[in-house]
PDB file of N, CA and C in Angstrom:
ATOM      1  N   MET A   1       0.857  -1.202   0.002  1.00  0.00           N
ATOM      2  CA  MET A   1      -0.011   0.027   0.005  1.00  0.00           C
ATOM      3  C   MET A   1       0.871   1.243  -0.059  1.00  0.00           C
ATOM      4  N   GLU A   2       0.650   2.159  -0.956  1.00  0.00           N
ATOM      5  CA  GLU A   2       1.481   3.327  -1.048  1.00  0.00           C
ATOM      6  C   GLU A   2       0.985   4.408  -0.119  1.00  0.00           C
ATOM      7  N   PRO A   3       1.957   5.192   0.518  1.00  0.00           N
ATOM      8  CA  PRO A   3       1.522   6.289   1.366  1.00  0.00           C
ATOM      9  C   PRO A   3       0.706   7.339   0.569  1.00  0.00           C
ATOM     10  N   LYS A   4      -0.240   7.892   1.233  1.00  0.00           N
ATOM     11  CA  LYS A   4      -1.028   8.999   0.599  1.00  0.00           C
ATOM     12  C   LYS A   4      -0.217  10.259   0.452  1.00  0.00           C
ATOM     13  N   ASN A   5      -0.453  11.020  -0.537  1.00  0.00           N
ATOM     14  CA  ASN A   5       0.189  12.337  -0.690  1.00  0.00           C
ATOM     15  C   ASN A   5      -0.629  13.308   0.098  1.00  0.00           C
ATOM     16  N   PRO A   6       0.047  13.989   1.067  1.00  0.00           N
ATOM     17  CA  PRO A   6      -0.647  14.971   1.963  1.00  0.00           C
ATOM     18  C   PRO A   6      -1.328  16.099   1.135  1.00  0.00           C
ATOM     19  N   ALA A   7      -0.764  16.437   0.011  1.00  0.00           N
ATOM     20  CA  ALA A   7      -1.368  17.482  -0.801  1.00  0.00           C
ATOM     21  C   ALA A   7      -2.760  17.125  -1.341  1.00  0.00           C
ATOM     22  N   GLN A   8      -3.031  15.804  -1.431  1.00  0.00           N
ATOM     23  CA  GLN A   8      -4.299  15.361  -1.895  1.00  0.00           C
ATOM     24  C   GLN A   8      -5.423  15.646  -0.888  1.00  0.00           C
ATOM     25  N   ASN A   9      -5.092  15.748   0.376  1.00  0.00           N
ATOM     26  CA  ASN A   9      -6.073  15.985   1.410  1.00  0.00           C
ATOM     27  C   ASN A   9      -6.398  17.383   1.636  1.00  0.00           C
ATOM     28  N   LYS A  10      -5.799  18.311   0.949  1.00  0.00           N
ATOM     29  CA  LYS A  10      -6.037  19.737   1.147  1.00  0.00           C
ATOM     30  C   LYS A  10      -7.170  20.226   0.156  1.00  0.00           C
ATOM     31  N   ILE A  11      -7.945  21.171   0.743  1.00  0.00           N
ATOM     32  CA  ILE A  11      -8.977  21.759  -0.067  1.00  0.00           C
ATOM     33  C   ILE A  11      -8.744  23.256  -0.106  1.00  0.00           C
ATOM     34  N   ASN A  12      -8.728  23.818  -1.295  1.00  0.00           N
ATOM     35  CA  ASN A  12      -8.562  25.267  -1.500  1.00  0.00           C
ATOM     36  C   ASN A  12      -9.997  25.923  -1.360  1.00  0.00           C
ATOM     37  N   LEU A  13     -10.230  26.588  -0.291  1.00  0.00           N
ATOM     38  CA  LEU A  13     -11.484  27.231  -0.059  1.00  0.00           C
ATOM     39  C   LEU A  13     -11.460  28.644  -0.444  1.00  0.00           C
ATOM     40  N   GLU A  14     -12.541  29.118  -1.045  1.00  0.00           N
ATOM     41  CA  GLU A  14     -12.699  30.505  -1.423  1.00  0.00           C
ATOM     42  C   GLU A  14     -13.772  31.095  -0.594  1.00  0.00           C
ATOM     43  N   LEU A  15     -13.521  32.298  -0.025  1.00  0.00           N
ATOM     44  CA  LEU A  15     -14.413  32.974   0.937  1.00  0.00           C
ATOM     45  C   LEU A  15     -14.648  34.344   0.470  1.00  0.00           C
ATOM     46  N   SER A  16     -15.867  34.662   0.008  1.00  0.00           N
ATOM     47  CA  SER A  16     -16.143  36.087  -0.507  1.00  0.00           C
ATOM     48  C   SER A  16     -16.247  36.938   0.738  1.00  0.00           C
ATOM     49  N   ASP A  17     -16.092  38.237   0.455  1.00  0.00           N
ATOM     50  CA  ASP A  17     -16.180  39.269   1.524  1.00  0.00           C
ATOM     51  C   ASP A  17     -17.537  39.206   2.268  1.00  0.00           C
ATOM     52  N   GLU A  18     -18.606  39.030   1.470  1.00  0.00           N
ATOM     53  CA  GLU A  18     -19.919  39.024   2.026  1.00  0.00           C
ATOM     54  C   GLU A  18     -20.095  37.792   2.975  1.00  0.00           C
ATOM     55  N   VAL A  19     -19.649  36.625   2.570  1.00  0.00           N
ATOM     56  CA  VAL A  19     -19.755  35.454   3.415  1.00  0.00           C
ATOM     57  C   VAL A  19     -18.811  35.558   4.595  1.00  0.00           C
ATOM     58  N   ALA A  20     -17.661  36.189   4.451  1.00  0.00           N
ATOM     59  CA  ALA A  20     -16.714  36.289   5.507  1.00  0.00           C
ATOM     60  C   ALA A  20     -17.261  37.144   6.691  1.00  0.00           C
ATOM     61  N   GLU A  21     -18.198  38.059   6.393  1.00  0.00           N
ATOM     62  CA  GLU A  21     -18.787  38.914   7.408  1.00  0.00           C
ATOM     63  C   GLU A  21     -19.589  38.062   8.406  1.00  0.00           C
ATOM     64  N   GLY A  22     -20.142  36.966   7.876  1.00  0.00           N
ATOM     65  CA  GLY A  22     -20.941  36.087   8.810  1.00  0.00           C
ATOM     66  C   GLY A  22     -22.303  36.654   9.036  1.00  0.00           C
ATOM     67  N   ILE A  23     -23.215  35.864   9.556  1.00  0.00           N
ATOM     68  CA  ILE A  23     -24.585  36.219   9.888  1.00  0.00           C
ATOM     69  C   ILE A  23     -24.760  35.866  11.348  1.00  0.00           C
ATOM     70  N   TYR A  24     -25.317  36.840  12.159  1.00  0.00           N
ATOM     71  CA  TYR A  24     -25.587  36.517  13.571  1.00  0.00           C
ATOM     72  C   TYR A  24     -26.870  35.741  13.702  1.00  0.00           C
ATOM     73  N   SER A  25     -26.819  34.750  14.538  1.00  0.00           N
ATOM     74  CA  SER A  25     -27.981  33.936  14.883  1.00  0.00           C
ATOM     75  C   SER A  25     -28.009  33.605  16.356  1.00  0.00           C
ATOM     76  N   ASN A  26     -29.190  33.697  16.942  1.00  0.00           N
ATOM     77  CA  ASN A  26     -29.260  33.294  18.383  1.00  0.00           C
ATOM     78  C   ASN A  26     -30.341  32.196  18.610  1.00  0.00           C
ATOM     79  N   LEU A  27     -30.683  31.584  17.446  1.00  0.00           N
ATOM     80  CA  LEU A  27     -31.648  30.426  17.531  1.00  0.00           C
ATOM     81  C   LEU A  27     -31.425  29.579  16.259  1.00  0.00           C
ATOM     82  N   ALA A  28     -31.401  28.280  16.400  1.00  0.00           N
ATOM     83  CA  ALA A  28     -31.279  27.344  15.368  1.00  0.00           C
ATOM     84  C   ALA A  28     -32.473  26.452  15.449  1.00  0.00           C
ATOM     85  N   ILE A  29     -33.226  26.278  14.385  1.00  0.00           N
ATOM     86  CA  ILE A  29     -34.345  25.392  14.375  1.00  0.00           C
ATOM     87  C   ILE A  29     -33.981  24.252  13.352  1.00  0.00           C
ATOM     88  N   ILE A  30     -34.072  23.046  13.883  1.00  0.00           N
ATOM     89  CA  ILE A  30     -33.653  21.838  13.134  1.00  0.00           C
ATOM     90  C   ILE A  30     -34.792  20.996  12.830  1.00  0.00           C
ATOM     91  N   THR A  31     -34.962  20.696  11.527  1.00  0.00           N
ATOM     92  CA  THR A  31     -35.953  19.707  11.114  1.00  0.00           C
ATOM     93  C   THR A  31     -35.316  18.660  10.253  1.00  0.00           C
ATOM     94  N   HIS A  32     -36.020  17.621  10.047  1.00  0.00           N
ATOM     95  CA  HIS A  32     -35.290  16.479   9.262  1.00  0.00           C
ATOM     96  C   HIS A  32     -36.338  15.658   8.524  1.00  0.00           C
ATOM     97  N   SER A  33     -35.892  15.081   7.401  1.00  0.00           N
ATOM     98  CA  SER A  33     -36.664  14.119   6.725  1.00  0.00           C
ATOM     99  C   SER A  33     -35.778  12.805   6.696  1.00  0.00           C
ATOM    100  N   ARG A  34     -36.160  11.815   6.037  1.00  0.00           N
ATOM    101  CA  ARG A  34     -35.378  10.645   5.889  1.00  0.00           C
ATOM    102  C   ARG A  34     -34.011  10.835   5.219  1.00  0.00           C
ATOM    103  N   SER A  35     -33.948  11.894   4.303  1.00  0.00           N
ATOM    104  CA  SER A  35     -32.771  12.041   3.554  1.00  0.00           C
ATOM    105  C   SER A  35     -31.932  13.291   3.818  1.00  0.00           C
ATOM    106  N   GLU A  36     -32.484  14.187   4.673  1.00  0.00           N
ATOM    107  CA  GLU A  36     -31.767  15.436   4.994  1.00  0.00           C
ATOM    108  C   GLU A  36     -32.080  16.018   6.302  1.00  0.00           C
ATOM    109  N   PHE A  37     -31.177  16.833   6.778  1.00  0.00           N
ATOM    110  CA  PHE A  37     -31.394  17.639   7.948  1.00  0.00           C
ATOM    111  C   PHE A  37     -31.407  19.105   7.479  1.00  0.00           C
ATOM    112  N   ILE A  38     -32.291  19.900   7.962  1.00  0.00           N
ATOM    113  CA  ILE A  38     -32.415  21.304   7.560  1.00  0.00           C
ATOM    114  C   ILE A  38     -32.225  22.129   8.827  1.00  0.00           C
ATOM    115  N   ILE A  39     -31.248  23.029   8.845  1.00  0.00           N
ATOM    116  CA  ILE A  39     -30.942  23.924   9.979  1.00  0.00           C
ATOM    117  C   ILE A  39     -31.216  25.311   9.517  1.00  0.00           C
ATOM    118  N   ASP A  40     -32.310  25.958  10.125  1.00  0.00           N
ATOM    119  CA  ASP A  40     -32.591  27.313   9.900  1.00  0.00           C
ATOM    120  C   ASP A  40     -31.984  28.153  11.035  1.00  0.00           C
ATOM    121  N   PHE A  41     -31.098  29.063  10.697  1.00  0.00           N
ATOM    122  CA  PHE A  41     -30.489  30.015  11.681  1.00  0.00           C
ATOM    123  C   PHE A  41     -31.303  31.282  11.678  1.00  0.00           C
ATOM    124  N   VAL A  42     -31.821  31.662  12.889  1.00  0.00           N
ATOM    125  CA  VAL A  42     -32.729  32.722  13.037  1.00  0.00           C
ATOM    126  C   VAL A  42     -32.131  33.769  13.939  1.00  0.00           C
ATOM    127  N   LYS A  43     -32.499  35.056  13.715  1.00  0.00           N
ATOM    128  CA  LYS A  43     -32.120  36.122  14.628  1.00  0.00           C
ATOM    129  C   LYS A  43     -33.347  36.668  15.285  1.00  0.00           C
ATOM    130  N   MET A  44     -33.487  36.420  16.591  1.00  0.00           N
ATOM    131  CA  MET A  44     -34.663  36.880  17.308  1.00  0.00           C
ATOM    132  C   MET A  44     -34.294  38.152  18.160  1.00  0.00           C
ATOM    133  N   LEU A  45     -35.090  39.144  18.173  1.00  0.00           N
ATOM    134  CA  LEU A  45     -34.803  40.341  19.018  1.00  0.00           C
ATOM    135  C   LEU A  45     -35.812  40.363  20.160  1.00  0.00           C
ATOM    136  N   PRO A  46     -35.396  40.809  21.325  1.00  0.00           N
ATOM    137  CA  PRO A  46     -36.286  40.896  22.454  1.00  0.00           C
ATOM    138  C   PRO A  46     -37.435  41.824  22.187  1.00  0.00           C
ATOM    139  N   GLY A  47     -38.641  41.370  22.611  1.00  0.00           N
ATOM    140  CA  GLY A  47     -39.849  42.155  22.467  1.00  0.00           C
ATOM    141  C   GLY A  47     -40.425  42.200  21.067  1.00  0.00           C
ATOM    142  N   ILE A  48     -39.844  41.574  20.167  1.00  0.00           N
ATOM    143  CA  ILE A  48     -40.328  41.530  18.796  1.00  0.00           C
ATOM    144  C   ILE A  48     -40.806  40.087  18.473  1.00  0.00           C
ATOM    145  N   PRO A  49     -42.135  39.924  18.262  1.00  0.00           N
ATOM    146  CA  PRO A  49     -42.679  38.581  18.044  1.00  0.00           C
ATOM    147  C   PRO A  49     -42.314  37.947  16.721  1.00  0.00           C
ATOM    148  N   LYS A  50     -41.839  38.732  15.808  1.00  0.00           N
ATOM    149  CA  LYS A  50     -41.574  38.197  14.453  1.00  0.00           C
ATOM    150  C   LYS A  50     -39.994  38.028  14.330  1.00  0.00           C
ATOM    151  N   ALA A  51     -39.575  36.962  13.807  1.00  0.00           N
ATOM    152  CA  ALA A  51     -38.163  36.705  13.570  1.00  0.00           C
ATOM    153  C   ALA A  51     -37.967  36.213  12.155  1.00  0.00           C
ATOM    154  N   LYS A  52     -36.717  36.525  11.672  1.00  0.00           N
ATOM    155  CA  LYS A  52     -36.378  36.115  10.224  1.00  0.00           C
ATOM    156  C   LYS A  52     -35.349  35.011  10.240  1.00  0.00           C
ATOM    157  N   VAL A  53     -35.589  34.033   9.329  1.00  0.00           N
ATOM    158  CA  VAL A  53     -34.566  33.039   9.092  1.00  0.00           C
ATOM    159  C   VAL A  53     -33.452  33.786   8.309  1.00  0.00           C
ATOM    160  N   LYS A  54     -32.265  33.779   8.837  1.00  0.00           N
ATOM    161  CA  LYS A  54     -31.174  34.527   8.199  1.00  0.00           C
ATOM    162  C   LYS A  54     -30.338  33.672   7.265  1.00  0.00           C
ATOM    163  N   SER A  55     -30.371  32.288   7.563  1.00  0.00           N
ATOM    164  CA  SER A  55     -29.622  31.363   6.681  1.00  0.00           C
ATOM    165  C   SER A  55     -30.237  29.915   6.907  1.00  0.00           C
ATOM    166  N   ARG A  56     -30.256  29.172   5.848  1.00  0.00           N
ATOM    167  CA  ARG A  56     -30.691  27.761   5.844  1.00  0.00           C
ATOM    168  C   ARG A  56     -29.601  26.915   5.295  1.00  0.00           C
ATOM    169  N   ILE A  57     -29.242  25.882   6.070  1.00  0.00           N
ATOM    170  CA  ILE A  57     -28.232  24.919   5.681  1.00  0.00           C
ATOM    171  C   ILE A  57     -28.924  23.514   5.560  1.00  0.00           C
ATOM    172  N   ILE A  58     -28.679  22.860   4.453  1.00  0.00           N
ATOM    173  CA  ILE A  58     -29.291  21.492   4.202  1.00  0.00           C
ATOM    174  C   ILE A  58     -28.147  20.536   4.176  1.00  0.00           C
ATOM    175  N   LEU A  59     -28.240  19.539   5.033  1.00  0.00           N
ATOM    176  CA  LEU A  59     -27.157  18.492   5.191  1.00  0.00           C
ATOM    177  C   LEU A  59     -27.697  17.097   4.996  1.00  0.00           C
ATOM    178  N   THR A  60     -26.875  16.240   4.527  1.00  0.00           N
ATOM    179  CA  THR A  60     -27.197  14.821   4.595  1.00  0.00           C
ATOM    180  C   THR A  60     -27.153  14.292   5.986  1.00  0.00           C
ATOM    181  N   PRO A  61     -27.817  13.243   6.384  1.00  0.00           N
ATOM    182  CA  PRO A  61     -27.730  12.736   7.696  1.00  0.00           C
ATOM    183  C   PRO A  61     -26.265  12.394   8.194  1.00  0.00           C
ATOM    184  N   GLN A  62     -25.517  11.850   7.192  1.00  0.00           N
ATOM    185  CA  GLN A  62     -24.136  11.549   7.542  1.00  0.00           C
ATOM    186  C   GLN A  62     -23.290  12.849   7.848  1.00  0.00           C
ATOM    187  N   HIS A  63     -23.552  13.858   7.059  1.00  0.00           N
ATOM    188  CA  HIS A  63     -22.789  15.092   7.279  1.00  0.00           C
ATOM    189  C   HIS A  63     -23.263  15.750   8.615  1.00  0.00           C
ATOM    190  N   ALA A  64     -24.570  15.641   8.848  1.00  0.00           N
ATOM    191  CA  ALA A  64     -25.076  16.200  10.126  1.00  0.00           C
ATOM    192  C   ALA A  64     -24.403  15.583  11.324  1.00  0.00           C
ATOM    193  N   LYS A  65     -24.196  14.202  11.288  1.00  0.00           N
ATOM    194  CA  LYS A  65     -23.538  13.523  12.358  1.00  0.00           C
ATOM    195  C   LYS A  65     -22.088  13.908  12.453  1.00  0.00           C
ATOM    196  N   ARG A  66     -21.409  14.170  11.328  1.00  0.00           N
ATOM    197  CA  ARG A  66     -19.993  14.586  11.369  1.00  0.00           C
ATOM    198  C   ARG A  66     -19.919  16.014  11.984  1.00  0.00           C
ATOM    199  N   LEU A  67     -20.925  16.852  11.650  1.00  0.00           N
ATOM    200  CA  LEU A  67     -20.983  18.227  12.174  1.00  0.00           C
ATOM    201  C   LEU A  67     -21.126  18.184  13.724  1.00  0.00           C
ATOM    202  N   VAL A  68     -21.997  17.310  14.190  1.00  0.00           N
ATOM    203  CA  VAL A  68     -22.201  17.196  15.668  1.00  0.00           C
ATOM    204  C   VAL A  68     -20.927  16.798  16.332  1.00  0.00           C
ATOM    205  N   LYS A  69     -20.239  15.826  15.774  1.00  0.00           N
ATOM    206  CA  LYS A  69     -18.892  15.406  16.335  1.00  0.00           C
ATOM    207  C   LYS A  69     -17.896  16.537  16.312  1.00  0.00           C
ATOM    208  N   ALA A  70     -17.813  17.244  15.198  1.00  0.00           N
ATOM    209  CA  ALA A  70     -16.947  18.370  15.127  1.00  0.00           C
ATOM    210  C   ALA A  70     -17.220  19.453  16.127  1.00  0.00           C
ATOM    211  N   LEU A  71     -18.501  19.763  16.366  1.00  0.00           N
ATOM    212  CA  LEU A  71     -18.983  20.758  17.325  1.00  0.00           C
ATOM    213  C   LEU A  71     -18.552  20.281  18.705  1.00  0.00           C
ATOM    214  N   ILE A  72     -18.815  19.048  19.075  1.00  0.00           N
ATOM    215  CA  ILE A  72     -18.482  18.515  20.394  1.00  0.00           C
ATOM    216  C   ILE A  72     -16.945  18.646  20.618  1.00  0.00           C
ATOM    217  N   ASP A  73     -16.217  18.320  19.694  1.00  0.00           N
ATOM    218  CA  ASP A  73     -14.770  18.415  19.789  1.00  0.00           C
ATOM    219  C   ASP A  73     -14.276  19.845  19.993  1.00  0.00           C
ATOM    220  N   ASN A  74     -14.869  20.730  19.182  1.00  0.00           N
ATOM    221  CA  ASN A  74     -14.508  22.135  19.332  1.00  0.00           C
ATOM    222  C   ASN A  74     -14.999  22.811  20.623  1.00  0.00           C
ATOM    223  N   ILE A  75     -16.136  22.407  21.134  1.00  0.00           N
ATOM    224  CA  ILE A  75     -16.598  22.888  22.420  1.00  0.00           C
ATOM    225  C   ILE A  75     -15.675  22.411  23.526  1.00  0.00           C
ATOM    226  N   LYS A  76     -15.248  21.117  23.473  1.00  0.00           N
ATOM    227  CA  LYS A  76     -14.317  20.689  24.467  1.00  0.00           C
ATOM    228  C   LYS A  76     -13.004  21.434  24.472  1.00  0.00           C
ATOM    229  N   LYS A  77     -12.520  21.729  23.263  1.00  0.00           N
ATOM    230  CA  LYS A  77     -11.311  22.531  23.137  1.00  0.00           C
ATOM    231  C   LYS A  77     -11.450  23.941  23.647  1.00  0.00           C
ATOM    232  N   PHE A  78     -12.607  24.606  23.337  1.00  0.00           N
ATOM    233  CA  PHE A  78     -12.899  25.948  23.812  1.00  0.00           C
ATOM    234  C   PHE A  78     -12.969  25.913  25.352  1.00  0.00           C
ATOM    235  N   GLU A  79     -13.733  24.970  25.942  1.00  0.00           N
ATOM    236  CA  GLU A  79     -13.920  24.964  27.408  1.00  0.00           C
ATOM    237  C   GLU A  79     -12.619  24.683  28.099  1.00  0.00           C
ATOM    238  N   SER A  80     -11.665  23.905  27.488  1.00  0.00           N
ATOM    239  CA  SER A  80     -10.402  23.640  28.154  1.00  0.00           C
ATOM    240  C   SER A  80      -9.531  24.936  28.161  1.00  0.00           C
ATOM    241  N   LEU A  81      -9.760  25.874  27.305  1.00  0.00           N
ATOM    242  CA  LEU A  81      -9.067  27.103  27.287  1.00  0.00           C
ATOM    243  C   LEU A  81      -9.770  28.225  28.102  1.00  0.00           C
ATOM    244  N   HIS A  82     -11.089  28.253  28.058  1.00  0.00           N
ATOM    245  CA  HIS A  82     -11.885  29.370  28.549  1.00  0.00           C
ATOM    246  C   HIS A  82     -12.821  29.040  29.671  1.00  0.00           C
ATOM    247  N   GLY A  83     -12.874  27.770  30.073  1.00  0.00           N
ATOM    248  CA  GLY A  83     -13.819  27.387  31.121  1.00  0.00           C
ATOM    249  C   GLY A  83     -15.157  26.930  30.503  1.00  0.00           C
ATOM    250  N   GLU A  84     -15.990  26.422  31.435  1.00  0.00           N
ATOM    251  CA  GLU A  84     -17.229  25.838  30.980  1.00  0.00           C
ATOM    252  C   GLU A  84     -18.207  26.876  30.434  1.00  0.00           C
ATOM    253  N   ILE A  85     -18.858  26.493  29.330  1.00  0.00           N
ATOM    254  CA  ILE A  85     -19.859  27.461  28.736  1.00  0.00           C
ATOM    255  C   ILE A  85     -21.163  27.295  29.555  1.00  0.00           C
ATOM    256  N   LYS A  86     -21.659  28.329  30.076  1.00  0.00           N
ATOM    257  CA  LYS A  86     -22.929  28.290  30.877  1.00  0.00           C
ATOM    258  C   LYS A  86     -24.088  28.297  29.941  1.00  0.00           C
ATOM    259  N   GLU A  87     -25.061  27.415  30.174  1.00  0.00           N
ATOM    260  CA  GLU A  87     -26.271  27.341  29.454  1.00  0.00           C
ATOM    261  C   GLU A  87     -27.261  28.402  29.851  1.00  0.00           C
ATOM    262  N   SER A  88     -28.114  28.817  28.956  1.00  0.00           N
ATOM    263  CA  SER A  88     -29.147  29.823  29.284  1.00  0.00           C
ATOM    264  C   SER A  88     -30.170  29.301  30.190  1.00  0.00           C
ATOM    265  N   ASP A  89     -30.837  30.162  30.868  1.00  0.00           N
ATOM    266  CA  ASP A  89     -32.022  29.714  31.704  1.00  0.00           C
ATOM    267  C   ASP A  89     -33.272  29.464  30.953  1.00  0.00           C
ATOM    268  N   ILE A  90     -33.244  29.901  29.645  1.00  0.00           N
ATOM    269  CA  ILE A  90     -34.430  29.693  28.787  1.00  0.00           C
ATOM    270  C   ILE A  90     -34.501  28.223  28.360  1.00  0.00           C
ATOM    271  N   ASP A  91     -35.632  27.564  28.721  1.00  0.00           N
ATOM    272  CA  ASP A  91     -35.734  26.152  28.378  1.00  0.00           C
ATOM    273  C   ASP A  91     -36.384  25.904  27.006  1.00  0.00           C
ATOM    274  N   GLN A  92     -37.300  26.708  26.653  1.00  0.00           N
ATOM    275  CA  GLN A  92     -37.934  26.505  25.382  1.00  0.00           C
ATOM    276  C   GLN A  92     -38.245  27.848  24.653  1.00  0.00           C
ATOM    277  N   ILE A  93     -38.399  27.733  23.440  1.00  0.00           N
ATOM    278  CA  ILE A  93     -38.852  28.877  22.647  1.00  0.00           C
ATOM    279  C   ILE A  93     -40.300  28.753  22.555  1.00  0.00           C
ATOM    280  N   PRO A  94     -41.128  29.893  22.785  1.00  0.00           N
ATOM    281  CA  PRO A  94     -42.542  29.766  22.977  1.00  0.00           C
ATOM    282  C   PRO A  94     -43.339  29.618  21.639  1.00  0.00           C
ATOM    283  N   PHE A  95     -42.861  28.866  20.682  1.00  0.00           N
ATOM    284  CA  PHE A  95     -43.627  28.599  19.516  1.00  0.00           C
ATOM    285  C   PHE A  95     -43.216  27.244  18.925  1.00  0.00           C
ATOM    286  N   ASN A  96     -44.087  26.738  18.120  1.00  0.00           N
ATOM    287  CA  ASN A  96     -43.827  25.482  17.418  1.00  0.00           C
ATOM    288  C   ASN A  96     -44.052  25.652  15.943  1.00  0.00           C
ATOM    289  N   LEU A  97     -43.135  25.258  15.128  1.00  0.00           N
ATOM    290  CA  LEU A  97     -43.259  25.482  13.692  1.00  0.00           C
ATOM    291  C   LEU A  97     -43.836  24.264  12.997  1.00  0.00           C
ATOM    292  N   GLY A  98     -44.155  23.191  13.759  1.00  0.00           N
ATOM    293  CA  GLY A  98     -44.756  21.985  13.183  1.00  0.00           C
ATOM    294  C   GLY A  98     -43.626  21.067  12.678  1.00  0.00           C
ATOM    295  N   GLY A  99     -44.053  19.857  12.390  1.00  0.00           N
ATOM    296  CA  GLY A  99     -43.044  18.893  11.812  1.00  0.00           C
ATOM    297  C   GLY A  99     -42.097  18.308  12.940  1.00  0.00           C
ATOM    298  N   PRO A 100     -41.278  17.349  12.515  1.00  0.00           N
ATOM    299  CA  PRO A 100     -40.295  16.848  13.506  1.00  0.00           C
ATOM    300  C   PRO A 100     -39.194  17.873  13.804  1.00  0.00           C
ATOM    301  N   THR A 101     -39.402  18.630  14.890  1.00  0.00           N
ATOM    302  CA  THR A 101     -38.538  19.767  15.192  1.00  0.00           C
ATOM    303  C   THR A 101     -37.713  19.594  16.521  1.00  0.00           C
ATOM    304  N   ALA A 102     -36.534  20.024  16.487  1.00  0.00           N
ATOM    305  CA  ALA A 102     -35.696  20.135  17.674  1.00  0.00           C
ATOM    306  C   ALA A 102     -35.031  21.532  17.668  1.00  0.00           C
ATOM    307  N   GLN A 103     -34.809  22.052  18.857  1.00  0.00           N
ATOM    308  CA  GLN A 103     -34.137  23.357  18.868  1.00  0.00           C
ATOM    309  C   GLN A 103     -32.809  23.232  19.569  1.00  0.00           C
ATOM    310  N   ALA A 104     -31.867  24.039  19.110  1.00  0.00           N
ATOM    311  CA  ALA A 104     -30.485  24.000  19.738  1.00  0.00           C
ATOM    312  C   ALA A 104     -30.124  25.415  19.968  1.00  0.00           C
TER     313      ALA A 104
END
């Protein structure tokens, strides 16, 4: 078996200025079907009952699972440097959008 060329494992990513600015979100609404996970990133403002979906990401179930593992790994690294992340006192968002939904 021949050793792999490390250059083959690199990806050249292009990041536009607009995407590099990012989008603020303080709520993620996750729905799924048999073939995909959909994550809607929402920005909610205090006292305003209407919120806008700022970005939607559609993932395969396999990629969603890899994303969860990567997030867990990165949270552990963050907490080892900065201490435990405290969770909010808010238990639930006071609305239901229907369908198989989970909030994070």
